[in-house]
């Protein structure tokens, strides 16, 4: 599984997890582990951002991606939900959930007891789940999104250090929203941030 990206959904300042305290480890080992962890994170985010490139790809034949949502928990997992609509109207939409088990991967990289077990080039622990929903439910969600005003991207700087980062990208619309924020987000973004939270709750429910 590979994906090449010029840009990232990760909000500025977003760190999904921080290295364990390595004060007792040799300096060279710290550097090696930190480099390895950075590589694992970059790969994980590529997978989260390109759900259509993950297996099973056959499942998505005849579908087009429309909207991607994501939630990255500081100190926890990261997940994305991409809504795929059928090219023909006789099939239920698919919401592909891609989830990265970041805490377990961090343990593999930094814990000396796990380090001897890991592969030389470990891949992130990614799981993929394809969810099907009635077309009316998905189309109603997308119609509600289209009615929301476009937030001013300059009204706040999307950075933080705790809680969770959220985001949305409209892949196939003229408006082309592509925004991320921490926790509740800017006050004047409230209609959109609430829509994103409710959509994620719906998909996870």
Foldseek 3Di string as FASTA:
>chain_A
DDADDPDFLAAPADDLEDADDCPVPDPVLVVVLVVLLVVQVVRLRRCQVCVCPDPPVVVCVQWDWFKKKWKRARVFKIKMWTWIDGNDDPDFIKIKIKIFGSVVVSCCRHPPVNVVVDDPRDHTDIDIDIDTDHNVVVVVLVVLVVPDDDDDQPPDRAHDRHGMKMWMFGDDDPVTDTDIHHDCGDPVCNVVSVSSVVVVVVVVD
